[in-house]
N, C-alpha and C. Protein backbone atom coordinates (compact mmCIF):
# COMPACT_ATOMS: atom_id res chain seq x y z
N MET A 1 41.10 -1.45 -13.77
CA MET A 1 39.94 -1.81 -14.22
C MET A 1 39.34 -0.61 -14.86
N LYS A 2 38.63 -0.68 -15.90
CA LYS A 2 38.34 0.57 -16.47
C LYS A 2 36.61 0.35 -16.76
N SER A 3 35.93 1.06 -16.38
CA SER A 3 34.33 0.83 -16.51
C SER A 3 33.89 2.46 -16.98
N HIS A 4 33.02 2.06 -17.99
CA HIS A 4 32.55 3.49 -18.53
C HIS A 4 30.89 3.51 -18.21
N VAL A 5 30.62 4.77 -18.10
CA VAL A 5 29.13 5.01 -17.61
C VAL A 5 28.26 4.87 -18.86
N VAL A 6 27.39 4.05 -18.70
CA VAL A 6 26.51 3.75 -20.05
C VAL A 6 24.83 4.45 -19.83
N LYS A 7 24.39 5.03 -20.70
CA LYS A 7 23.21 5.44 -20.58
C LYS A 7 22.26 4.24 -21.14
N ARG A 8 21.20 3.88 -20.16
CA ARG A 8 20.38 2.71 -20.44
C ARG A 8 18.94 2.99 -20.30
N SER A 9 18.08 2.43 -20.94
CA SER A 9 16.52 3.05 -21.02
C SER A 9 15.88 1.74 -20.10
N ILE A 10 14.98 2.17 -19.43
CA ILE A 10 14.23 1.04 -18.75
C ILE A 10 12.81 1.65 -18.42
N VAL A 11 11.92 0.80 -18.36
CA VAL A 11 10.55 1.25 -18.04
C VAL A 11 10.26 1.03 -16.57
N VAL A 12 9.77 2.10 -15.97
CA VAL A 12 9.53 2.33 -14.54
C VAL A 12 7.97 2.84 -14.52
N GLU A 13 7.35 1.79 -13.77
CA GLU A 13 5.87 2.20 -13.56
C GLU A 13 5.18 2.52 -14.81
N GLY A 14 5.57 1.85 -15.87
CA GLY A 14 4.85 2.16 -17.33
C GLY A 14 5.44 3.45 -18.00
N HIS A 15 6.58 4.05 -17.43
CA HIS A 15 7.18 5.26 -18.26
C HIS A 15 8.44 4.73 -18.68
N LYS A 16 8.85 5.02 -19.66
CA LYS A 16 10.49 4.91 -20.15
C LYS A 16 11.29 5.99 -19.59
N THR A 17 12.50 5.73 -18.94
CA THR A 17 13.32 6.50 -18.51
C THR A 17 14.49 6.00 -18.70
N SER A 18 15.75 6.83 -18.49
CA SER A 18 17.12 6.22 -18.60
C SER A 18 17.78 6.69 -17.42
N VAL A 19 18.67 5.68 -17.36
CA VAL A 19 19.73 5.63 -16.11
C VAL A 19 21.08 5.65 -16.85
N SER A 20 22.10 6.50 -16.06
CA SER A 20 23.48 6.29 -16.38
C SER A 20 24.36 5.34 -15.23
N LEU A 21 24.79 3.86 -15.68
CA LEU A 21 25.38 3.37 -14.87
C LEU A 21 26.44 2.57 -15.31
N GLU A 22 27.71 2.12 -14.69
CA GLU A 22 28.42 1.38 -15.05
C GLU A 22 28.00 0.02 -15.21
N ASP A 23 28.99 -0.67 -16.31
CA ASP A 23 28.52 -1.95 -16.25
C ASP A 23 28.38 -2.92 -15.09
N GLU A 24 29.35 -2.66 -14.07
CA GLU A 24 29.44 -3.62 -12.81
C GLU A 24 28.00 -3.21 -12.14
N PHE A 25 27.55 -2.08 -11.86
CA PHE A 25 26.27 -1.94 -11.54
C PHE A 25 25.21 -2.33 -11.96
N TRP A 26 25.26 -2.47 -13.20
CA TRP A 26 24.13 -2.91 -14.06
C TRP A 26 23.90 -4.35 -14.05
N ASN A 27 25.19 -5.21 -14.24
CA ASN A 27 25.21 -6.40 -13.90
C ASN A 27 24.84 -6.96 -12.51
N ALA A 28 25.19 -6.17 -11.61
CA ALA A 28 24.99 -6.52 -10.31
C ALA A 28 23.45 -6.42 -10.07
N LEU A 29 22.77 -5.35 -10.66
CA LEU A 29 21.30 -5.01 -10.43
C LEU A 29 20.61 -6.14 -11.23
N LYS A 30 20.95 -6.53 -12.28
CA LYS A 30 20.57 -7.80 -13.05
C LYS A 30 20.59 -9.12 -12.13
N GLU A 31 21.59 -9.39 -11.52
CA GLU A 31 21.83 -10.42 -10.68
C GLU A 31 20.94 -10.37 -9.35
N ILE A 32 20.68 -9.09 -8.84
CA ILE A 32 19.75 -9.24 -7.74
C ILE A 32 18.33 -9.25 -7.94
N ALA A 33 18.09 -8.68 -9.28
CA ALA A 33 16.61 -8.93 -9.92
C ALA A 33 16.37 -10.50 -9.78
N SER A 34 17.41 -11.13 -10.51
CA SER A 34 17.48 -12.45 -10.72
C SER A 34 16.97 -13.16 -9.52
N GLU A 35 17.87 -13.02 -8.37
CA GLU A 35 17.83 -13.55 -7.02
C GLU A 35 16.16 -13.44 -6.49
N ARG A 36 15.86 -12.32 -6.85
CA ARG A 36 14.49 -12.06 -6.09
C ARG A 36 13.21 -12.57 -7.15
N ARG A 37 13.60 -13.05 -8.18
CA ARG A 37 12.72 -13.62 -9.27
C ARG A 37 11.85 -12.21 -9.53
N GLU A 38 12.50 -10.95 -9.86
CA GLU A 38 11.82 -9.94 -10.44
C GLU A 38 12.45 -9.42 -11.88
N THR A 39 11.65 -8.71 -12.52
CA THR A 39 12.45 -7.89 -13.45
C THR A 39 12.90 -6.71 -13.11
N LEU A 40 13.94 -6.32 -14.02
CA LEU A 40 14.75 -5.03 -13.62
C LEU A 40 13.74 -4.00 -13.57
N SER A 41 12.79 -3.90 -14.10
CA SER A 41 11.89 -3.04 -14.17
C SER A 41 11.19 -2.89 -12.57
N GLU A 42 10.72 -4.08 -12.17
CA GLU A 42 10.24 -4.18 -10.96
C GLU A 42 11.05 -3.70 -9.96
N VAL A 43 12.29 -4.16 -9.86
CA VAL A 43 13.19 -3.72 -8.83
C VAL A 43 13.69 -2.23 -9.03
N VAL A 44 13.90 -1.85 -10.04
CA VAL A 44 14.05 -0.25 -10.25
C VAL A 44 12.76 0.44 -9.83
N SER A 45 11.74 0.00 -9.93
CA SER A 45 10.23 0.73 -9.59
C SER A 45 10.28 0.88 -8.19
N HIS A 46 11.02 -0.47 -7.24
CA HIS A 46 10.95 -0.24 -5.79
C HIS A 46 11.93 0.74 -5.31
N ILE A 47 13.10 0.64 -6.20
CA ILE A 47 13.98 1.63 -5.90
C ILE A 47 13.71 3.06 -5.92
N ASP A 48 13.08 3.46 -6.92
CA ASP A 48 12.40 4.72 -7.30
C ASP A 48 11.33 5.04 -6.36
N GLY A 49 10.72 4.19 -6.05
CA GLY A 49 9.15 4.47 -4.81
C GLY A 49 10.11 4.74 -3.66
N ASP A 50 11.16 4.33 -3.25
CA ASP A 50 11.82 4.15 -2.02
C ASP A 50 12.53 5.56 -2.08
N ARG A 51 13.14 6.02 -2.89
CA ARG A 51 14.12 7.23 -2.72
C ARG A 51 13.26 8.31 -2.21
N THR A 52 14.32 9.22 -1.59
CA THR A 52 13.84 10.33 -0.70
C THR A 52 14.42 11.63 -1.39
N HIS A 53 15.64 11.02 -1.96
CA HIS A 53 16.40 12.49 -2.73
C HIS A 53 17.38 11.77 -3.69
N GLY A 54 17.96 12.83 -4.57
CA GLY A 54 18.89 12.17 -5.43
C GLY A 54 18.43 11.44 -6.62
N ASN A 55 19.02 11.39 -7.73
CA ASN A 55 18.56 10.98 -8.89
C ASN A 55 18.57 9.26 -8.93
N LEU A 56 17.91 8.93 -9.81
CA LEU A 56 17.57 7.35 -10.00
C LEU A 56 18.89 6.69 -10.05
N SER A 57 19.92 7.26 -11.02
CA SER A 57 21.11 6.42 -11.20
C SER A 57 21.66 6.27 -9.69
N SER A 58 21.84 7.31 -8.96
CA SER A 58 22.48 7.27 -7.70
C SER A 58 21.81 6.37 -6.77
N SER A 59 20.49 6.27 -6.79
CA SER A 59 19.67 5.48 -5.87
C SER A 59 20.04 4.13 -6.13
N ILE A 60 20.09 3.84 -7.35
CA ILE A 60 20.54 2.26 -7.99
C ILE A 60 21.75 1.97 -7.41
N ARG A 61 22.71 2.88 -7.45
CA ARG A 61 24.10 2.54 -7.12
C ARG A 61 24.16 2.27 -5.55
N LEU A 62 23.33 3.15 -4.72
CA LEU A 62 23.33 2.81 -3.43
C LEU A 62 22.58 1.53 -3.20
N PHE A 63 21.59 1.41 -3.77
CA PHE A 63 20.72 0.08 -3.49
C PHE A 63 21.69 -1.10 -3.59
N VAL A 64 22.28 -1.23 -4.81
CA VAL A 64 23.19 -2.25 -5.00
C VAL A 64 24.34 -2.52 -3.95
N LEU A 65 25.06 -1.23 -3.79
CA LEU A 65 25.94 -1.27 -2.62
C LEU A 65 25.37 -1.61 -1.18
N ASP A 66 24.37 -1.33 -0.77
CA ASP A 66 23.68 -2.05 0.55
C ASP A 66 23.23 -3.44 0.42
N HIS A 67 22.74 -3.65 -0.91
CA HIS A 67 22.49 -5.21 -0.93
C HIS A 67 23.67 -6.16 -0.78
N TYR A 68 24.83 -5.72 -1.18
CA TYR A 68 26.03 -6.47 -1.03
C TYR A 68 26.71 -6.33 0.40
N ARG A 69 26.49 -5.33 0.76
CA ARG A 69 27.04 -4.93 2.33
C ARG A 69 26.17 -5.64 3.36
N SER A 70 25.02 -5.75 2.99
CA SER A 70 24.18 -6.58 3.98
C SER A 70 24.07 -8.06 4.25
N ARG A 71 24.96 -8.68 3.12
CA ARG A 71 25.06 -10.08 2.92
C ARG A 71 25.94 -10.31 4.25
N PRO A 72 25.97 -11.75 4.79
CA PRO A 72 26.79 -12.22 5.82
C PRO A 72 28.23 -12.23 5.07
N ALA A 73 29.22 -11.97 5.97
CA ALA A 73 30.42 -12.10 5.47
C ALA A 73 30.78 -13.65 5.13
N ARG A 74 31.48 -13.88 4.16
CA ARG A 74 32.02 -15.23 3.76
C ARG A 74 32.99 -15.45 4.78
N PRO A 75 33.33 -16.69 4.97
CA PRO A 75 34.59 -17.04 5.82
C PRO A 75 35.71 -17.10 5.17
N ALA A 76 36.95 -16.77 5.54
CA ALA A 76 38.32 -16.73 4.85
C ALA A 76 38.74 -17.94 4.51
């Protein structure tokens, strides 16, 4: 599986910024936003407000990872 990091623009708290994410993380972030019935900008604003260190792109990746890790395991 080959995934490229793509720079994407998004508005966070009224300011345009860019994040560099692989397609898989970007698509997962869109799924999470849809599940929450929020916009991408709203979800990223929450992530940005909660981060204590690191850059926004890394914080988004960790948020997505934590989201899927915290789900109950599916029966085999």
